[in-house]
Amino acid sequence: MTGIRMLLVAAAAATAIGCARAEVLEVTGEFPAVSREASFLRSIVVDRFGGQDGPTLQIAIERALSMAGPEGRMPFDLLGGRAGRDTAEGAINGSVSTGVDERPFKQNQKQCVTKDDKGKCTKEAEVEVQCRRRIITVNADVRIVRSADGRILYSVPKPFREEVSWCPGGAPAHTTEEVIDAAIRDIAGSVRADIVPHVDTYRIRVRESSKGMPKEAAGQFKDLVKLSKRDPRGACAGWESMQGGVAAQHPSLLFNLGLCAEQRGDYDRALALYRDSARTGATEGNDGADRAARLIAGREDAQERARRRKG
């Protein structure tokens, strides 16, 4: 019995395997913020926002940034008032404009025009009815300025638009005020998403194709794909043991090895393996390489933030 077959038998006999899953590996990793420079700020003040709903957006952003991250800490020291404006490393400000346009319009609807003595419709016709259309827009412009040198680290428009129509017997699901409040909360949440790194847990499907592999190697590879449903570590160990064999440069093996490296946090090796898999024919390797590069950036950014906090 080959070493890989023995590994498969041992893994199948293990008692702590867990529930069956699809042929995917679950990965948790930290990705960099969209605005990496803004994410390095240690302290932020949410300054004034122009417009009628400016104060509402200001408070919504403060609340969004006051939420603790996965490590249980706030992403920034959030400061306020004059002292905050004088001492914070960065300031968030901008403006927001809100518009509501509601007007009537006419529309033809099929309606019952004749009923029998039992109330059953016997004739329908197109009837012109008076309806209403409501368009709500919220347009915010948000920027972050670094206090030390006045550099603008982040400047992004945040548009929102909702259009709803209703006719007699119907009504909008939400009031104008509810829609605007929800839009402002969403805008505030998107600002946080842009300037705070995020930890994601995601599932990536292993590559199953063994086309082009020698018969014995293909059988071993397919067994390991099945094993990945209940014992991902065992499958990864099996694929590692195939790396020096006849299937060493097969795109599926290279891709799956990259995924295993990504799962255990070895992003540099994952990047190299994904690139090799893409070069040999696994188009999924391009997405994997992009993801690994972002994970490397996320790791480097975390190290840089830790360094600045100690400084």
C-alpha atoms as a PDB file:
ATOM      1  CA  MET A   1       0.000   0.000   0.000  1.00  0.00           C
ATOM      2  CA  THR A   2       1.410   3.404  -0.965  1.00  0.00           C
ATOM      3  CA  GLY A   3       2.024   6.105   1.627  1.00  0.00           C
ATOM      4  CA  ILE A   4      -0.861   8.144   0.275  1.00  0.00           C
ATOM      5  CA  ARG A   5      -3.244   5.161   0.458  1.00  0.00           C
ATOM      6  CA  MET A   6      -2.182   4.550   4.055  1.00  0.00           C
ATOM      7  CA  LEU A   7      -2.845   8.230   4.799  1.00  0.00           C
ATOM      8  CA  LEU A   8      -6.329   7.956   3.323  1.00  0.00           C
ATOM      9  CA  VAL A   9      -7.165   4.832   5.305  1.00  0.00           C
ATOM     10  CA  ALA A  10      -5.920   6.407   8.539  1.00  0.00           C
ATOM     11  CA  ALA A  11      -7.873   9.606   7.937  1.00  0.00           C
ATOM     12  CA  ALA A  12     -11.055   7.688   7.151  1.00  0.00           C
ATOM     13  CA  ALA A  13     -10.705   5.781  10.428  1.00  0.00           C
ATOM     14  CA  ALA A  14     -10.206   8.908  12.546  1.00  0.00           C
ATOM     15  CA  THR A  15     -12.979   9.582  15.029  1.00  0.00           C
ATOM     16  CA  ALA A  16     -12.791  13.384  15.198  1.00  0.00           C
ATOM     17  CA  ILE A  17     -13.385  14.125  11.573  1.00  0.00           C
ATOM     18  CA  GLY A  18     -16.511  16.311  11.880  1.00  0.00           C
ATOM     19  CA  CYS A  19     -19.467  16.708   9.564  1.00  0.00           C
ATOM     20  CA  ALA A  20     -19.165  16.230   5.816  1.00  0.00           C
ATOM     21  CA  ARG A  21     -18.694  19.302   3.643  1.00  0.00           C
ATOM     22  CA  ALA A  22     -18.408  20.035  -0.025  1.00  0.00           C
ATOM     23  CA  GLU A  23     -14.962  19.892  -1.614  1.00  0.00           C
ATOM     24  CA  VAL A  24     -13.949  23.300  -0.298  1.00  0.00           C
ATOM     25  CA  LEU A  25     -11.413  24.645   2.142  1.00  0.00           C
ATOM     26  CA  GLU A  26     -12.460  27.279   4.657  1.00  0.00           C
ATOM     27  CA  VAL A  27      -9.998  30.134   5.069  1.00  0.00           C
ATOM     28  CA  THR A  28      -9.856  33.087   7.451  1.00  0.00           C
ATOM     29  CA  GLY A  29      -7.659  36.029   6.539  1.00  0.00           C
ATOM     30  CA  GLU A  30      -7.212  39.748   7.059  1.00  0.00           C
ATOM     31  CA  PHE A  31      -7.492  41.977   4.015  1.00  0.00           C
ATOM     32  CA  PRO A  32      -6.214  45.557   3.780  1.00  0.00           C
ATOM     33  CA  ALA A  33      -8.454  48.582   3.849  1.00  0.00           C
ATOM     34  CA  VAL A  34      -9.313  50.165   0.509  1.00  0.00           C
ATOM     35  CA  SER A  35      -7.634  53.348   1.736  1.00  0.00           C
ATOM     36  CA  ARG A  36      -4.486  51.881   3.249  1.00  0.00           C
ATOM     37  CA  GLU A  37      -2.969  55.221   4.289  1.00  0.00           C
ATOM     38  CA  ALA A  38      -6.148  56.193   6.130  1.00  0.00           C
ATOM     39  CA  SER A  39      -6.101  52.861   7.961  1.00  0.00           C
ATOM     40  CA  PHE A  40      -2.699  53.737   9.460  1.00  0.00           C
ATOM     41  CA  LEU A  41      -4.115  56.710  11.380  1.00  0.00           C
ATOM     42  CA  ARG A  42      -4.135  56.117  15.109  1.00  0.00           C
ATOM     43  CA  SER A  43      -6.728  58.755  15.997  1.00  0.00           C
ATOM     44  CA  ILE A  44      -9.568  60.350  14.051  1.00  0.00           C
ATOM     45  CA  VAL A  45     -12.046  63.127  14.659  1.00  0.00           C
ATOM     46  CA  VAL A  46     -15.310  63.153  12.712  1.00  0.00           C
ATOM     47  CA  ASP A  47     -15.588  66.825  11.867  1.00  0.00           C
ATOM     48  CA  ARG A  48     -18.511  68.815  10.528  1.00  0.00           C
ATOM     49  CA  PHE A  49     -20.503  67.754   7.464  1.00  0.00           C
ATOM     50  CA  GLY A  50     -22.351  70.358   5.428  1.00  0.00           C
ATOM     51  CA  GLY A  51     -25.974  70.015   4.388  1.00  0.00           C
ATOM     52  CA  GLN A  52     -29.255  69.587   6.195  1.00  0.00           C
ATOM     53  CA  ASP A  53     -28.485  65.954   6.992  1.00  0.00           C
ATOM     54  CA  GLY A  54     -24.785  66.613   7.640  1.00  0.00           C
ATOM     55  CA  PRO A  55     -25.022  66.275  11.445  1.00  0.00           C
ATOM     56  CA  THR A  56     -26.915  62.995  11.029  1.00  0.00           C
ATOM     57  CA  LEU A  57     -24.185  61.575   8.784  1.00  0.00           C
ATOM     58  CA  GLN A  58     -21.516  62.820  11.181  1.00  0.00           C
ATOM     59  CA  ILE A  59     -23.078  60.919  14.077  1.00  0.00           C
ATOM     60  CA  ALA A  60     -23.649  57.836  11.899  1.00  0.00           C
ATOM     61  CA  ILE A  61     -19.948  57.739  10.938  1.00  0.00           C
ATOM     62  CA  GLU A  62     -18.922  58.157  14.581  1.00  0.00           C
ATOM     63  CA  ARG A  63     -21.114  55.211  15.519  1.00  0.00           C
ATOM     64  CA  ALA A  64     -19.805  53.086  12.657  1.00  0.00           C
ATOM     65  CA  LEU A  65     -16.194  53.750  13.653  1.00  0.00           C
ATOM     66  CA  SER A  66     -16.901  53.116  17.346  1.00  0.00           C
ATOM     67  CA  MET A  67     -17.743  49.461  16.654  1.00  0.00           C
ATOM     68  CA  ALA A  68     -15.036  47.104  17.889  1.00  0.00           C
ATOM     69  CA  GLY A  69     -13.256  44.893  15.382  1.00  0.00           C
ATOM     70  CA  PRO A  70     -12.519  41.138  15.574  1.00  0.00           C
ATOM     71  CA  GLU A  71      -9.832  41.718  18.210  1.00  0.00           C
ATOM     72  CA  GLY A  72     -12.299  43.523  20.451  1.00  0.00           C
ATOM     73  CA  ARG A  73     -10.790  46.980  19.978  1.00  0.00           C
ATOM     74  CA  MET A  74     -11.868  50.056  18.059  1.00  0.00           C
ATOM     75  CA  PRO A  75      -9.954  50.607  14.814  1.00  0.00           C
ATOM     76  CA  PHE A  76      -9.079  54.207  15.776  1.00  0.00           C
ATOM     77  CA  ASP A  77      -8.964  56.382  18.856  1.00  0.00           C
ATOM     78  CA  LEU A  78     -12.133  58.344  18.162  1.00  0.00           C
ATOM     79  CA  LEU A  79     -11.897  61.933  19.398  1.00  0.00           C
ATOM     80  CA  GLY A  80     -14.383  64.789  19.434  1.00  0.00           C
ATOM     81  CA  GLY A  81     -14.812  68.498  20.048  1.00  0.00           C
ATOM     82  CA  ARG A  82     -12.154  71.180  19.754  1.00  0.00           C
ATOM     83  CA  ALA A  83      -9.592  69.011  21.518  1.00  0.00           C
ATOM     84  CA  GLY A  84     -10.200  66.274  18.966  1.00  0.00           C
ATOM     85  CA  ARG A  85      -9.766  68.662  16.045  1.00  0.00           C
ATOM     86  CA  ASP A  86      -6.504  69.916  17.567  1.00  0.00           C
ATOM     87  CA  THR A  87      -4.940  66.560  18.424  1.00  0.00           C
ATOM     88  CA  ALA A  88      -6.349  63.826  16.136  1.00  0.00           C
ATOM     89  CA  GLU A  89      -4.021  62.495  13.427  1.00  0.00           C
ATOM     90  CA  GLY A  90      -6.802  62.700  10.858  1.00  0.00           C
ATOM     91  CA  ALA A  91     -10.156  64.393  10.324  1.00  0.00           C
ATOM     92  CA  ILE A  92     -13.201  63.153   8.437  1.00  0.00           C
ATOM     93  CA  ASN A  93     -15.457  65.785   6.923  1.00  0.00           C
ATOM     94  CA  GLY A  94     -17.531  66.479   3.848  1.00  0.00           C
ATOM     95  CA  SER A  95     -21.067  67.286   2.835  1.00  0.00           C
ATOM     96  CA  VAL A  96     -24.355  65.555   2.115  1.00  0.00           C
ATOM     97  CA  SER A  97     -27.362  66.623   0.066  1.00  0.00           C
ATOM     98  CA  THR A  98     -30.763  64.958   0.147  1.00  0.00           C
ATOM     99  CA  GLY A  99     -33.536  65.220  -2.414  1.00  0.00           C
ATOM    100  CA  VAL A 100     -37.104  63.925  -2.542  1.00  0.00           C
ATOM    101  CA  ASP A 101     -39.164  64.179  -5.727  1.00  0.00           C
ATOM    102  CA  GLU A 102     -42.708  62.827  -5.501  1.00  0.00           C
ATOM    103  CA  ARG A 103     -45.241  63.391  -8.260  1.00  0.00           C
ATOM    104  CA  PRO A 104     -48.332  61.761  -9.793  1.00  0.00           C
ATOM    105  CA  PHE A 105     -48.465  59.856 -13.049  1.00  0.00           C
ATOM    106  CA  LYS A 106     -51.133  57.949 -14.898  1.00  0.00           C
ATOM    107  CA  GLN A 107     -51.006  54.265 -15.707  1.00  0.00           C
ATOM    108  CA  ASN A 108     -53.351  51.750 -17.302  1.00  0.00           C
ATOM    109  CA  GLN A 109     -54.340  48.801 -15.134  1.00  0.00           C
ATOM    110  CA  LYS A 110     -56.539  45.825 -15.836  1.00  0.00           C
ATOM    111  CA  GLN A 111     -59.562  46.020 -13.539  1.00  0.00           C
ATOM    112  CA  CYS A 112     -62.895  44.309 -13.196  1.00  0.00           C
ATOM    113  CA  VAL A 113     -65.656  46.473 -14.670  1.00  0.00           C
ATOM    114  CA  THR A 114     -68.607  44.034 -14.494  1.00  0.00           C
ATOM    115  CA  LYS A 115     -69.585  41.483 -11.825  1.00  0.00           C
ATOM    116  CA  ASP A 116     -72.409  38.986 -11.624  1.00  0.00           C
ATOM    117  CA  ASP A 117     -74.922  38.770  -8.774  1.00  0.00           C
ATOM    118  CA  LYS A 118     -72.481  36.589  -6.816  1.00  0.00           C
ATOM    119  CA  GLY A 119     -69.691  39.152  -7.036  1.00  0.00           C
ATOM    120  CA  LYS A 120     -67.674  37.195  -9.592  1.00  0.00           C
ATOM    121  CA  CYS A 121     -65.928  39.296 -12.224  1.00  0.00           C
ATOM    122  CA  THR A 122     -67.379  38.776 -15.667  1.00  0.00           C
ATOM    123  CA  LYS A 123     -65.553  41.484 -17.569  1.00  0.00           C
ATOM    124  CA  GLU A 124     -62.150  43.145 -17.284  1.00  0.00           C
ATOM    125  CA  ALA A 125     -60.876  46.245 -19.050  1.00  0.00           C
ATOM    126  CA  GLU A 126     -57.849  48.527 -19.120  1.00  0.00           C
ATOM    127  CA  VAL A 127     -58.587  51.475 -16.847  1.00  0.00           C
ATOM    128  CA  GLU A 128     -56.470  54.599 -16.400  1.00  0.00           C
ATOM    129  CA  VAL A 129     -55.572  55.146 -12.737  1.00  0.00           C
ATOM    130  CA  GLN A 130     -53.702  57.852 -10.888  1.00  0.00           C
ATOM    131  CA  CYS A 131     -50.448  56.622  -9.349  1.00  0.00           C
ATOM    132  CA  ARG A 132     -47.466  58.225  -7.635  1.00  0.00           C
ATOM    133  CA  ARG A 133     -43.711  57.952  -8.092  1.00  0.00           C
ATOM    134  CA  ARG A 134     -41.158  58.884  -5.419  1.00  0.00           C
ATOM    135  CA  ILE A 135     -37.444  59.364  -6.050  1.00  0.00           C
ATOM    136  CA  ILE A 136     -35.123  59.803  -3.077  1.00  0.00           C
ATOM    137  CA  THR A 137     -31.462  60.733  -3.541  1.00  0.00           C
ATOM    138  CA  VAL A 138     -28.739  61.069  -0.941  1.00  0.00           C
ATOM    139  CA  ASN A 139     -25.368  62.270  -2.230  1.00  0.00           C
ATOM    140  CA  ALA A 140     -22.506  62.394   0.236  1.00  0.00           C
ATOM    141  CA  ASP A 141     -18.905  63.451  -0.351  1.00  0.00           C
ATOM    142  CA  VAL A 142     -16.503  62.216   2.302  1.00  0.00           C
ATOM    143  CA  ARG A 143     -12.833  62.971   2.728  1.00  0.00           C
ATOM    144  CA  ILE A 144     -10.103  62.318   5.281  1.00  0.00           C
ATOM    145  CA  VAL A 145      -7.281  64.794   5.805  1.00  0.00           C
ATOM    146  CA  ARG A 146      -4.079  63.949   7.663  1.00  0.00           C
ATOM    147  CA  SER A 147      -3.419  66.647  10.211  1.00  0.00           C
ATOM    148  CA  ALA A 148       0.382  66.483  10.117  1.00  0.00           C
ATOM    149  CA  ASP A 149       0.759  67.581   6.510  1.00  0.00           C
ATOM    150  CA  GLY A 150      -2.747  68.341   5.237  1.00  0.00           C
ATOM    151  CA  ARG A 151      -2.600  65.473   2.780  1.00  0.00           C
ATOM    152  CA  ILE A 152      -5.965  64.179   1.601  1.00  0.00           C
ATOM    153  CA  LEU A 153      -5.849  60.430   2.194  1.00  0.00           C
ATOM    154  CA  TYR A 154      -9.399  59.638   1.128  1.00  0.00           C
ATOM    155  CA  SER A 155     -11.932  61.471  -1.006  1.00  0.00           C
ATOM    156  CA  VAL A 156     -14.917  59.488  -2.227  1.00  0.00           C
ATOM    157  CA  PRO A 157     -18.482  60.257  -3.402  1.00  0.00           C
ATOM    158  CA  LYS A 158     -21.188  58.113  -1.831  1.00  0.00           C
ATOM    159  CA  PRO A 159     -24.383  58.307  -3.905  1.00  0.00           C
ATOM    160  CA  PHE A 160     -27.720  56.695  -3.080  1.00  0.00           C
ATOM    161  CA  ARG A 161     -30.915  56.619  -5.151  1.00  0.00           C
ATOM    162  CA  GLU A 162     -34.246  54.868  -4.634  1.00  0.00           C
ATOM    163  CA  GLU A 163     -37.252  55.038  -6.932  1.00  0.00           C
ATOM    164  CA  VAL A 164     -40.617  53.529  -5.976  1.00  0.00           C
ATOM    165  CA  SER A 165     -44.054  53.723  -7.574  1.00  0.00           C
ATOM    166  CA  TRP A 166     -47.464  52.805  -6.240  1.00  0.00           C
ATOM    167  CA  CYS A 167     -51.063  52.921  -7.395  1.00  0.00           C
ATOM    168  CA  PRO A 168     -54.424  52.838  -5.582  1.00  0.00           C
ATOM    169  CA  GLY A 169     -54.428  50.015  -3.050  1.00  0.00           C
ATOM    170  CA  GLY A 170     -50.642  50.125  -2.636  1.00  0.00           C
ATOM    171  CA  ALA A 171     -48.106  52.137  -0.660  1.00  0.00           C
ATOM    172  CA  PRO A 172     -44.321  52.370  -0.249  1.00  0.00           C
ATOM    173  CA  ALA A 173     -42.811  49.843   2.124  1.00  0.00           C
ATOM    174  CA  HIS A 174     -40.970  52.605   4.004  1.00  0.00           C
ATOM    175  CA  THR A 175     -41.518  56.283   4.718  1.00  0.00           C
ATOM    176  CA  THR A 176     -39.243  58.933   3.249  1.00  0.00           C
ATOM    177  CA  GLU A 177     -37.591  59.463   6.638  1.00  0.00           C
ATOM    178  CA  GLU A 178     -36.913  55.734   7.054  1.00  0.00           C
ATOM    179  CA  VAL A 179     -35.310  55.489   3.614  1.00  0.00           C
ATOM    180  CA  ILE A 180     -33.050  58.494   4.223  1.00  0.00           C
ATOM    181  CA  ASP A 181     -32.019  57.260   7.680  1.00  0.00           C
ATOM    182  CA  ALA A 182     -31.165  53.821   6.284  1.00  0.00           C
ATOM    183  CA  ALA A 183     -29.210  55.371   3.395  1.00  0.00           C
ATOM    184  CA  ILE A 184     -27.145  57.490   5.769  1.00  0.00           C
ATOM    185  CA  ARG A 185     -26.375  54.458   7.945  1.00  0.00           C
ATOM    186  CA  ASP A 186     -25.312  52.519   4.835  1.00  0.00           C
ATOM    187  CA  ILE A 187     -23.055  55.383   3.730  1.00  0.00           C
ATOM    188  CA  ALA A 188     -21.456  55.498   7.170  1.00  0.00           C
ATOM    189  CA  GLY A 189     -20.920  51.743   7.081  1.00  0.00           C
ATOM    190  CA  SER A 190     -19.306  51.954   3.652  1.00  0.00           C
ATOM    191  CA  VAL A 191     -16.893  54.626   4.918  1.00  0.00           C
ATOM    192  CA  ARG A 192     -15.829  52.291   7.706  1.00  0.00           C
ATOM    193  CA  ALA A 193     -15.425  49.444   5.205  1.00  0.00           C
ATOM    194  CA  ASP A 194     -13.144  51.668   3.099  1.00  0.00           C
ATOM    195  CA  ILE A 195     -10.764  52.710   5.881  1.00  0.00           C
ATOM    196  CA  VAL A 196     -10.743  49.708   8.244  1.00  0.00           C
ATOM    197  CA  PRO A 197      -9.058  46.400   7.366  1.00  0.00           C
ATOM    198  CA  HIS A 198     -11.428  43.460   7.526  1.00  0.00           C
ATOM    199  CA  VAL A 199     -11.154  39.832   8.537  1.00  0.00           C
ATOM    200  CA  ASP A 200     -13.155  37.481   6.335  1.00  0.00           C
ATOM    201  CA  THR A 201     -13.921  33.789   6.563  1.00  0.00           C
ATOM    202  CA  TYR A 202     -14.594  32.354   3.133  1.00  0.00           C
ATOM    203  CA  ARG A 203     -14.727  29.009   1.332  1.00  0.00           C
ATOM    204  CA  ILE A 204     -12.817  28.211  -1.845  1.00  0.00           C
ATOM    205  CA  ARG A 205     -13.557  25.127  -3.900  1.00  0.00           C
ATOM    206  CA  VAL A 206     -10.636  22.791  -4.505  1.00  0.00           C
ATOM    207  CA  ARG A 207      -9.742  21.994  -8.089  1.00  0.00           C
ATOM    208  CA  GLU A 208     -11.008  18.518  -8.977  1.00  0.00           C
ATOM    209  CA  SER A 209      -9.812  17.944 -12.545  1.00  0.00           C
ATOM    210  CA  SER A 210      -7.171  15.238 -12.905  1.00  0.00           C
ATOM    211  CA  LYS A 211      -7.129  15.418 -16.703  1.00  0.00           C
ATOM    212  CA  GLY A 212      -3.645  14.704 -18.006  1.00  0.00           C
ATOM    213  CA  MET A 213      -2.409  12.942 -14.872  1.00  0.00           C
ATOM    214  CA  PRO A 214      -1.083   9.364 -15.098  1.00  0.00           C
ATOM    215  CA  LYS A 215      -3.752   6.864 -14.035  1.00  0.00           C
ATOM    216  CA  GLU A 216      -2.371   6.000 -10.596  1.00  0.00           C
ATOM    217  CA  ALA A 217      -1.653   9.631  -9.735  1.00  0.00           C
ATOM    218  CA  ALA A 218      -5.143  10.614 -10.923  1.00  0.00           C
ATOM    219  CA  GLY A 219      -6.704   8.036  -8.610  1.00  0.00           C
ATOM    220  CA  GLN A 220      -4.714   9.285  -5.650  1.00  0.00           C
ATOM    221  CA  PHE A 221      -5.595  12.882  -6.462  1.00  0.00           C
ATOM    222  CA  LYS A 222      -9.330  12.146  -6.711  1.00  0.00           C
ATOM    223  CA  ASP A 223      -9.266  10.253  -3.404  1.00  0.00           C
ATOM    224  CA  LEU A 224      -7.681  13.286  -1.776  1.00  0.00           C
ATOM    225  CA  VAL A 225     -10.339  15.564  -3.270  1.00  0.00           C
ATOM    226  CA  LYS A 226     -12.989  13.379  -1.598  1.00  0.00           C
ATOM    227  CA  LEU A 227     -10.984  13.365   1.630  1.00  0.00           C
ATOM    228  CA  SER A 228     -10.950  17.172   1.690  1.00  0.00           C
ATOM    229  CA  LYS A 229     -14.665  17.127   2.569  1.00  0.00           C
ATOM    230  CA  ARG A 230     -14.002  15.646   6.004  1.00  0.00           C
ATOM    231  CA  ASP A 231     -10.274  16.054   6.624  1.00  0.00           C
ATOM    232  CA  PRO A 232      -8.787  19.096   4.864  1.00  0.00           C
ATOM    233  CA  ARG A 233      -5.459  18.766   6.652  1.00  0.00           C
ATOM    234  CA  GLY A 234      -5.138  15.154   5.599  1.00  0.00           C
ATOM    235  CA  ALA A 235      -5.929  16.084   2.003  1.00  0.00           C
ATOM    236  CA  CYS A 236      -3.333  18.859   2.077  1.00  0.00           C
ATOM    237  CA  ALA A 237      -0.726  16.465   3.472  1.00  0.00           C
ATOM    238  CA  GLY A 238      -1.555  14.027   0.689  1.00  0.00           C
ATOM    239  CA  TRP A 239      -1.210  16.668  -2.012  1.00  0.00           C
ATOM    240  CA  GLU A 240       2.120  17.724  -0.505  1.00  0.00           C
ATOM    241  CA  SER A 241       3.356  14.127  -0.800  1.00  0.00           C
ATOM    242  CA  MET A 242       2.408  14.144  -4.502  1.00  0.00           C
ATOM    243  CA  GLN A 243       4.473  17.231  -5.205  1.00  0.00           C
ATOM    244  CA  GLY A 244       7.643  15.299  -5.959  1.00  0.00           C
ATOM    245  CA  GLY A 245       5.929  12.806  -8.256  1.00  0.00           C
ATOM    246  CA  VAL A 246       4.787  12.625 -11.840  1.00  0.00           C
ATOM    247  CA  ALA A 247       1.908  15.078 -11.261  1.00  0.00           C
ATOM    248  CA  ALA A 248       4.106  17.741  -9.635  1.00  0.00           C
ATOM    249  CA  GLN A 249       3.398  20.398 -12.284  1.00  0.00           C
ATOM    250  CA  HIS A 250      -0.280  19.605 -12.827  1.00  0.00           C
ATOM    251  CA  PRO A 251      -2.392  22.786 -12.536  1.00  0.00           C
ATOM    252  CA  SER A 252      -4.933  21.193 -10.193  1.00  0.00           C
ATOM    253  CA  LEU A 253      -2.278  19.956  -7.790  1.00  0.00           C
ATOM    254  CA  LEU A 254      -0.533  23.334  -7.821  1.00  0.00           C
ATOM    255  CA  PHE A 255      -3.825  25.166  -7.225  1.00  0.00           C
ATOM    256  CA  ASN A 256      -4.858  22.924  -4.338  1.00  0.00           C
ATOM    257  CA  LEU A 257      -1.425  23.251  -2.752  1.00  0.00           C
ATOM    258  CA  GLY A 258      -1.790  27.019  -3.046  1.00  0.00           C
ATOM    259  CA  LEU A 259      -5.163  26.813  -1.330  1.00  0.00           C
ATOM    260  CA  CYS A 260      -3.673  24.699   1.460  1.00  0.00           C
ATOM    261  CA  ALA A 261      -0.887  27.256   1.922  1.00  0.00           C
ATOM    262  CA  GLU A 262      -3.450  30.063   2.006  1.00  0.00           C
ATOM    263  CA  GLN A 263      -5.484  28.231   4.644  1.00  0.00           C
ATOM    264  CA  ARG A 264      -2.512  27.861   6.993  1.00  0.00           C
ATOM    265  CA  GLY A 265      -1.434  31.490   6.482  1.00  0.00           C
ATOM    266  CA  ASP A 266       1.625  30.921   4.274  1.00  0.00           C
ATOM    267  CA  TYR A 267       0.578  33.600   1.801  1.00  0.00           C
ATOM    268  CA  ASP A 268       3.931  33.964   0.033  1.00  0.00           C
ATOM    269  CA  ARG A 269       3.980  30.282  -0.890  1.00  0.00           C
ATOM    270  CA  ALA A 270       0.299  30.450  -1.818  1.00  0.00           C
ATOM    271  CA  LEU A 271       1.033  33.348  -4.177  1.00  0.00           C
ATOM    272  CA  ALA A 272       3.830  31.431  -5.910  1.00  0.00           C
ATOM    273  CA  LEU A 273       1.759  28.247  -6.239  1.00  0.00           C
ATOM    274  CA  TYR A 274      -1.281  30.104  -7.566  1.00  0.00           C
ATOM    275  CA  ARG A 275       0.853  31.820 -10.174  1.00  0.00           C
ATOM    276  CA  ASP A 276       2.333  28.466 -11.208  1.00  0.00           C
ATOM    277  CA  SER A 277      -1.141  26.936 -11.413  1.00  0.00           C
ATOM    278  CA  ALA A 278      -2.365  29.800 -13.611  1.00  0.00           C
ATOM    279  CA  ARG A 279       0.700  29.491 -15.829  1.00  0.00           C
ATOM    280  CA  THR A 280       0.009  25.767 -16.360  1.00  0.00           C
ATOM    281  CA  GLY A 281      -3.704  26.163 -17.098  1.00  0.00           C
ATOM    282  CA  ALA A 282      -5.744  26.739 -13.907  1.00  0.00           C
ATOM    283  CA  THR A 283      -7.563  29.997 -14.558  1.00  0.00           C
ATOM    284  CA  GLU A 284      -8.707  29.979 -10.905  1.00  0.00           C
ATOM    285  CA  GLY A 285      -5.077  30.558 -10.042  1.00  0.00           C
ATOM    286  CA  ASN A 286      -5.358  34.189 -11.150  1.00  0.00           C
ATOM    287  CA  ASP A 287      -8.063  34.890  -8.556  1.00  0.00           C
ATOM    288  CA  GLY A 288      -6.066  32.972  -5.974  1.00  0.00           C
ATOM    289  CA  ALA A 289      -2.927  34.990  -6.715  1.00  0.00           C
ATOM    290  CA  ASP A 290      -4.869  38.246  -6.405  1.00  0.00           C
ATOM    291  CA  ARG A 291      -6.350  37.112  -3.087  1.00  0.00           C
ATOM    292  CA  ALA A 292      -2.948  35.990  -1.755  1.00  0.00           C
ATOM    293  CA  ALA A 293      -1.406  39.332  -2.728  1.00  0.00           C
ATOM    294  CA  ARG A 294      -4.135  41.168  -0.808  1.00  0.00           C
ATOM    295  CA  LEU A 295      -3.612  38.905   2.199  1.00  0.00           C
ATOM    296  CA  ILE A 296       0.105  39.695   2.105  1.00  0.00           C
ATOM    297  CA  ALA A 297      -0.764  43.403   2.004  1.00  0.00           C
ATOM    298  CA  GLY A 298      -3.171  42.919   4.912  1.00  0.00           C
ATOM    299  CA  ARG A 299      -0.450  41.230   6.954  1.00  0.00           C
ATOM    300  CA  GLU A 300       2.064  43.984   6.147  1.00  0.00           C
ATOM    301  CA  ASP A 301      -0.464  46.695   7.013  1.00  0.00           C
ATOM    302  CA  ALA A 302      -1.195  45.040  10.364  1.00  0.00           C
ATOM    303  CA  GLN A 303       2.533  45.023  11.127  1.00  0.00           C
ATOM    304  CA  GLU A 304       2.817  48.681  10.128  1.00  0.00           C
ATOM    305  CA  ARG A 305      -0.118  49.689  12.351  1.00  0.00           C
ATOM    306  CA  ALA A 306       1.406  47.796  15.274  1.00  0.00           C
ATOM    307  CA  ARG A 307       4.737  49.558  14.679  1.00  0.00           C
ATOM    308  CA  ARG A 308       3.100  52.989  14.604  1.00  0.00           C
ATOM    309  CA  ARG A 309       1.112  52.336  17.748  1.00  0.00           C
ATOM    310  CA  LYS A 310       4.314  51.496  19.590  1.00  0.00           C
ATOM    311  CA  GLY A 311       6.060  54.587  18.223  1.00  0.00           C
END
